[in-house]
Amino acid sequence: MLRSLSLMIAALIAAPALTVNADARPQKAVRNHAPPVKDCTRINGRSGYYGNPWCTPSQQRAWDRATSRRGRR
């Protein structure tokens, strides 16, 4: 009697952990990237299209990625 009572109590305790939420859907991971600190807008010059001479290549890539993400929204 005591054994069956303890099994029923254990089953009642474990039951909420085993239930599946019907509203649960797989969600896409959201990445919140901080915007680049430096404005690396590309410059158009007299003889063509230039990058920004005051930005390093890594800063320029970060700026370009941020502006393309901004355009998709």
N, C-alpha and C. Protein backbone atom coordinates (compact mmCIF):
# COMPACT_ATOMS: atom_id res chain seq x y z
N MET A 1 0.83 -1.19 0.00
CA MET A 1 0.00 0.00 0.00
C MET A 1 0.87 1.26 0.00
N LEU A 2 1.85 1.28 0.86
CA LEU A 2 2.74 2.43 0.96
C LEU A 2 3.56 2.58 -0.32
N ARG A 3 3.95 1.45 -0.89
CA ARG A 3 4.74 1.46 -2.11
C ARG A 3 3.92 2.04 -3.27
N SER A 4 2.70 1.63 -3.41
CA SER A 4 1.86 2.14 -4.50
C SER A 4 1.53 3.62 -4.29
N LEU A 5 1.37 4.04 -3.04
CA LEU A 5 1.12 5.44 -2.75
C LEU A 5 2.34 6.30 -3.12
N SER A 6 3.52 5.82 -2.81
CA SER A 6 4.73 6.58 -3.14
C SER A 6 4.95 6.63 -4.66
N LEU A 7 4.58 5.57 -5.38
CA LEU A 7 4.69 5.58 -6.84
C LEU A 7 3.70 6.58 -7.45
N MET A 8 2.50 6.66 -6.89
CA MET A 8 1.52 7.61 -7.40
C MET A 8 1.98 9.05 -7.14
N ILE A 9 2.55 9.31 -5.99
CA ILE A 9 3.05 10.65 -5.67
C ILE A 9 4.20 11.02 -6.61
N ALA A 10 5.09 10.07 -6.86
CA ALA A 10 6.20 10.32 -7.77
C ALA A 10 5.69 10.60 -9.19
N ALA A 11 4.66 9.88 -9.60
CA ALA A 11 4.10 10.09 -10.94
C ALA A 11 3.43 11.47 -11.02
N LEU A 12 2.76 11.90 -9.97
CA LEU A 12 2.13 13.22 -9.97
C LEU A 12 3.15 14.35 -9.98
N ILE A 13 4.27 14.13 -9.33
CA ILE A 13 5.33 15.14 -9.32
C ILE A 13 6.00 15.24 -10.69
N ALA A 14 6.20 14.10 -11.34
CA ALA A 14 6.91 14.08 -12.62
C ALA A 14 6.01 14.44 -13.80
N ALA A 15 4.71 14.37 -13.66
CA ALA A 15 3.79 14.60 -14.77
C ALA A 15 3.91 15.99 -15.40
N PRO A 16 3.98 17.09 -14.64
CA PRO A 16 4.10 18.40 -15.30
C PRO A 16 5.39 18.55 -16.10
N ALA A 17 6.45 17.89 -15.70
CA ALA A 17 7.70 17.99 -16.43
C ALA A 17 7.64 17.24 -17.75
N LEU A 18 6.77 16.28 -17.87
CA LEU A 18 6.70 15.46 -19.07
C LEU A 18 5.67 15.96 -20.08
N THR A 19 4.84 16.92 -19.70
CA THR A 19 3.83 17.41 -20.62
C THR A 19 4.46 18.27 -21.70
N VAL A 20 3.86 18.30 -22.87
CA VAL A 20 4.36 19.08 -24.00
C VAL A 20 3.45 20.28 -24.19
N ASN A 21 4.04 21.42 -24.33
CA ASN A 21 3.28 22.64 -24.54
C ASN A 21 2.77 22.66 -25.98
N ALA A 22 1.48 22.77 -26.16
CA ALA A 22 0.88 22.76 -27.50
C ALA A 22 1.22 24.03 -28.27
N ASP A 23 1.48 25.12 -27.59
CA ASP A 23 1.80 26.38 -28.25
C ASP A 23 3.27 26.50 -28.61
N ALA A 24 4.07 25.56 -28.16
CA ALA A 24 5.51 25.64 -28.41
C ALA A 24 5.79 25.37 -29.88
N ARG A 25 6.52 26.30 -30.50
CA ARG A 25 6.94 26.16 -31.89
C ARG A 25 8.44 26.38 -31.93
N PRO A 26 9.09 25.80 -32.88
CA PRO A 26 10.51 26.12 -33.02
C PRO A 26 10.66 27.59 -33.40
N GLN A 27 11.53 28.27 -32.72
CA GLN A 27 11.70 29.70 -32.98
C GLN A 27 13.09 29.94 -33.54
N LYS A 28 13.16 30.92 -34.41
CA LYS A 28 14.43 31.29 -35.00
C LYS A 28 15.24 32.08 -33.97
N ALA A 29 16.50 31.76 -33.88
CA ALA A 29 17.36 32.47 -32.94
C ALA A 29 17.53 33.91 -33.40
N VAL A 30 17.43 34.82 -32.47
CA VAL A 30 17.55 36.24 -32.78
C VAL A 30 18.89 36.72 -32.24
N ARG A 31 19.66 37.30 -33.13
CA ARG A 31 20.95 37.83 -32.71
C ARG A 31 20.85 39.35 -32.68
N ASN A 32 21.17 39.89 -31.57
CA ASN A 32 21.15 41.35 -31.43
C ASN A 32 22.58 41.85 -31.51
N HIS A 33 22.95 42.34 -32.68
CA HIS A 33 24.29 42.88 -32.86
C HIS A 33 24.27 44.36 -32.55
N ALA A 34 25.27 44.80 -31.87
CA ALA A 34 25.40 46.23 -31.62
C ALA A 34 25.81 46.90 -32.93
N PRO A 35 25.25 48.06 -33.23
CA PRO A 35 25.64 48.74 -34.46
C PRO A 35 27.10 49.18 -34.38
N PRO A 36 27.78 49.28 -35.51
CA PRO A 36 29.17 49.73 -35.49
C PRO A 36 29.28 51.13 -34.89
N VAL A 37 30.36 51.37 -34.20
CA VAL A 37 30.55 52.65 -33.53
C VAL A 37 30.93 53.73 -34.53
N LYS A 38 31.73 53.36 -35.53
CA LYS A 38 32.25 54.34 -36.47
C LYS A 38 31.43 54.35 -37.76
N ASP A 39 31.12 55.53 -38.26
CA ASP A 39 30.39 55.69 -39.51
C ASP A 39 31.38 55.53 -40.67
N CYS A 40 31.25 54.44 -41.40
CA CYS A 40 32.16 54.17 -42.52
C CYS A 40 31.42 54.23 -43.84
N THR A 41 30.62 55.26 -44.03
CA THR A 41 29.90 55.43 -45.29
C THR A 41 30.92 55.59 -46.41
N ARG A 42 30.70 54.86 -47.49
CA ARG A 42 31.65 54.92 -48.61
C ARG A 42 31.54 56.27 -49.32
N ILE A 43 32.65 56.70 -49.90
CA ILE A 43 32.74 58.03 -50.52
C ILE A 43 32.86 57.88 -52.03
N ASN A 44 32.10 58.68 -52.78
CA ASN A 44 32.26 58.76 -54.23
C ASN A 44 33.22 59.89 -54.55
N GLY A 45 34.27 59.55 -55.30
CA GLY A 45 35.26 60.57 -55.65
C GLY A 45 35.14 60.99 -57.11
N ARG A 46 36.08 61.82 -57.56
CA ARG A 46 36.06 62.33 -58.94
C ARG A 46 36.22 61.20 -59.97
N SER A 47 37.12 60.29 -59.68
CA SER A 47 37.41 59.27 -60.70
C SER A 47 36.85 57.91 -60.33
N GLY A 48 35.78 57.88 -59.55
CA GLY A 48 35.16 56.59 -59.26
C GLY A 48 34.69 56.45 -57.83
N TYR A 49 34.46 55.21 -57.49
CA TYR A 49 33.89 54.85 -56.19
C TYR A 49 35.00 54.47 -55.24
N TYR A 50 35.08 55.13 -54.12
CA TYR A 50 36.12 54.87 -53.14
C TYR A 50 35.49 54.29 -51.88
N GLY A 51 36.31 53.67 -51.09
CA GLY A 51 35.89 53.30 -49.74
C GLY A 51 36.08 54.51 -48.85
N ASN A 52 35.99 54.34 -47.58
CA ASN A 52 36.22 55.43 -46.66
C ASN A 52 37.67 55.35 -46.19
N PRO A 53 38.50 56.36 -46.47
CA PRO A 53 39.92 56.28 -46.13
C PRO A 53 40.20 56.31 -44.62
N TRP A 54 39.21 56.67 -43.81
CA TRP A 54 39.43 56.75 -42.37
C TRP A 54 38.99 55.49 -41.64
N CYS A 55 38.59 54.47 -42.38
CA CYS A 55 38.14 53.22 -41.77
C CYS A 55 39.06 52.07 -42.16
N THR A 56 39.29 51.18 -41.23
CA THR A 56 40.05 49.98 -41.54
C THR A 56 39.14 49.03 -42.32
N PRO A 57 39.71 48.03 -43.00
CA PRO A 57 38.86 47.09 -43.74
C PRO A 57 37.85 46.35 -42.84
N SER A 58 38.24 46.01 -41.63
CA SER A 58 37.28 45.32 -40.74
C SER A 58 36.15 46.25 -40.31
N GLN A 59 36.46 47.53 -40.07
CA GLN A 59 35.41 48.50 -39.73
C GLN A 59 34.48 48.71 -40.92
N GLN A 60 35.05 48.72 -42.14
CA GLN A 60 34.24 48.91 -43.35
C GLN A 60 33.30 47.72 -43.54
N ARG A 61 33.78 46.48 -43.32
CA ARG A 61 32.92 45.29 -43.45
C ARG A 61 31.80 45.32 -42.43
N ALA A 62 32.12 45.72 -41.19
CA ALA A 62 31.09 45.79 -40.15
C ALA A 62 30.03 46.82 -40.52
N TRP A 63 30.45 47.95 -41.05
CA TRP A 63 29.50 49.00 -41.46
C TRP A 63 28.63 48.52 -42.61
N ASP A 64 29.26 47.86 -43.60
CA ASP A 64 28.51 47.36 -44.75
C ASP A 64 27.48 46.31 -44.34
N ARG A 65 27.85 45.40 -43.43
CA ARG A 65 26.90 44.40 -42.95
C ARG A 65 25.74 45.06 -42.21
N ALA A 66 26.03 46.06 -41.40
CA ALA A 66 24.98 46.74 -40.63
C ALA A 66 24.02 47.48 -41.56
N THR A 67 24.55 48.13 -42.59
CA THR A 67 23.66 48.87 -43.49
C THR A 67 22.84 47.92 -44.36
N SER A 68 23.40 46.76 -44.72
CA SER A 68 22.60 45.81 -45.51
C SER A 68 21.51 45.19 -44.64
N ARG A 69 21.79 44.95 -43.37
CA ARG A 69 20.75 44.44 -42.45
C ARG A 69 19.65 45.48 -42.27
N ARG A 70 20.03 46.74 -42.20
CA ARG A 70 19.06 47.81 -42.03
C ARG A 70 18.14 47.91 -43.24
N GLY A 71 18.69 47.65 -44.43
CA GLY A 71 17.89 47.73 -45.64
C GLY A 71 16.91 46.58 -45.79
N ARG A 72 17.19 45.43 -45.19
CA ARG A 72 16.30 44.26 -45.29
C ARG A 72 15.08 44.40 -44.39
N ARG A 73 15.12 45.24 -43.41
CA ARG A 73 14.00 45.34 -42.46
C ARG A 73 12.87 46.13 -43.01
